[in-house]
């Protein structure tokens, strides 16, 4: 693993930690929400995103609401079908 790759992995891990703290969720939940495809994209974009603040990057990638765990099952089902959280 090159130094650049290590820096990118560290950046993505730190970003996940930041989002978890801001949303008061577990890191595991954040990683599951982002998904494998999203993690790969974050790693791909990490070199460019290093110059941005965590707030800017997290706003771009997270539409993460903590109250989703307390919603009724129908809401969660329809959110899943639509591919996003419903308003």
Protein backbone atom coordinates (compact mmCIF):
# COMPACT_ATOMS: atom_id res chain seq x y z
CA UNK A 1 0.00 0.00 0.00
CA UNK A 2 1.38 3.35 -0.98
CA UNK A 3 1.51 6.43 1.20
CA UNK A 4 -1.19 8.06 -0.92
CA UNK A 5 -3.52 5.08 -0.40
CA UNK A 6 -2.90 5.14 3.35
CA UNK A 7 -3.70 8.85 3.45
CA UNK A 8 -6.91 8.26 1.51
CA UNK A 9 -8.01 5.45 3.84
CA UNK A 10 -7.22 7.58 6.88
CA UNK A 11 -9.21 10.46 5.42
CA UNK A 12 -12.28 8.31 4.73
CA UNK A 13 -12.11 6.75 8.21
CA UNK A 14 -11.85 10.19 9.80
CA UNK A 15 -14.79 11.39 7.71
CA UNK A 16 -16.92 8.45 8.83
CA UNK A 17 -15.97 9.17 12.44
CA UNK A 18 -16.95 12.83 11.99
CA UNK A 19 -20.34 11.95 10.48
CA UNK A 20 -21.01 9.44 13.26
CA UNK A 21 -20.30 12.05 15.93
CA UNK A 22 -22.35 14.74 14.22
CA UNK A 23 -25.38 12.48 13.71
CA UNK A 24 -24.95 10.67 17.04
CA UNK A 25 -24.91 7.27 15.34
CA UNK A 26 -22.55 4.32 15.42
CA UNK A 27 -19.83 4.19 12.78
CA UNK A 28 -21.19 0.81 11.67
CA UNK A 29 -24.53 2.42 10.78
CA UNK A 30 -22.80 5.16 8.82
CA UNK A 31 -20.77 2.64 6.83
CA UNK A 32 -23.88 0.57 6.11
CA UNK A 33 -25.75 3.67 4.98
CA UNK A 34 -22.93 4.78 2.65
CA UNK A 35 -22.50 1.24 1.29
CA UNK A 36 -19.59 -0.38 -0.46
CA UNK A 37 -20.10 1.60 -3.64
CA UNK A 38 -20.15 4.87 -1.69
CA UNK A 39 -16.99 3.96 0.24
CA UNK A 40 -15.21 3.20 -3.02
CA UNK A 41 -16.31 6.59 -4.38
CA UNK A 42 -15.10 8.33 -1.23
CA UNK A 43 -11.72 6.63 -1.60
CA UNK A 44 -11.58 7.61 -5.26
CA UNK A 45 -12.44 11.24 -4.45
CA UNK A 46 -10.34 11.43 -1.27
CA UNK A 47 -7.35 13.12 -2.87
CA UNK A 48 -9.55 15.98 -4.09
CA UNK A 49 -11.72 16.13 -0.96
CA UNK A 50 -8.70 16.51 1.34
CA UNK A 51 -8.78 20.24 0.67
CA UNK A 52 -12.45 20.55 1.71
CA UNK A 53 -13.72 20.67 5.27
CA UNK A 54 -15.48 17.64 6.73
CA UNK A 55 -18.67 19.71 6.93
CA UNK A 56 -18.66 20.32 3.17
CA UNK A 57 -17.99 16.70 2.28
CA UNK A 58 -20.44 15.26 4.79
CA UNK A 59 -23.19 17.58 3.55
CA UNK A 60 -22.61 16.26 0.04
CA UNK A 61 -22.72 12.58 0.97
CA UNK A 62 -25.10 12.34 3.88
CA UNK A 63 -28.80 12.76 3.93
CA UNK A 64 -28.62 10.90 7.22
CA UNK A 65 -31.36 11.42 9.79
CA UNK A 66 -31.23 9.82 13.21
CA UNK A 67 -35.00 9.77 13.65
CA UNK A 68 -35.33 7.17 10.88
CA UNK A 69 -34.85 4.40 13.45
CA UNK A 70 -37.98 5.53 15.26
CA UNK A 71 -40.24 5.69 12.21
CA UNK A 72 -42.99 3.20 11.55
CA UNK A 73 -42.18 0.21 9.32
CA UNK A 74 -44.34 1.47 6.43
CA UNK A 75 -42.29 4.66 6.24
CA UNK A 76 -39.08 2.64 6.13
CA UNK A 77 -40.45 0.31 3.46
CA UNK A 78 -41.56 3.13 1.17
CA UNK A 79 -38.32 5.00 1.76
CA UNK A 80 -36.45 1.87 0.69
CA UNK A 81 -38.62 1.48 -2.41
CA UNK A 82 -38.06 5.11 -3.40
CA UNK A 83 -34.33 4.87 -2.67
CA UNK A 84 -34.31 7.88 -0.34
CA UNK A 85 -35.84 9.18 2.86
CA UNK A 86 -39.28 10.58 2.27
CA UNK A 87 -40.36 13.95 3.59
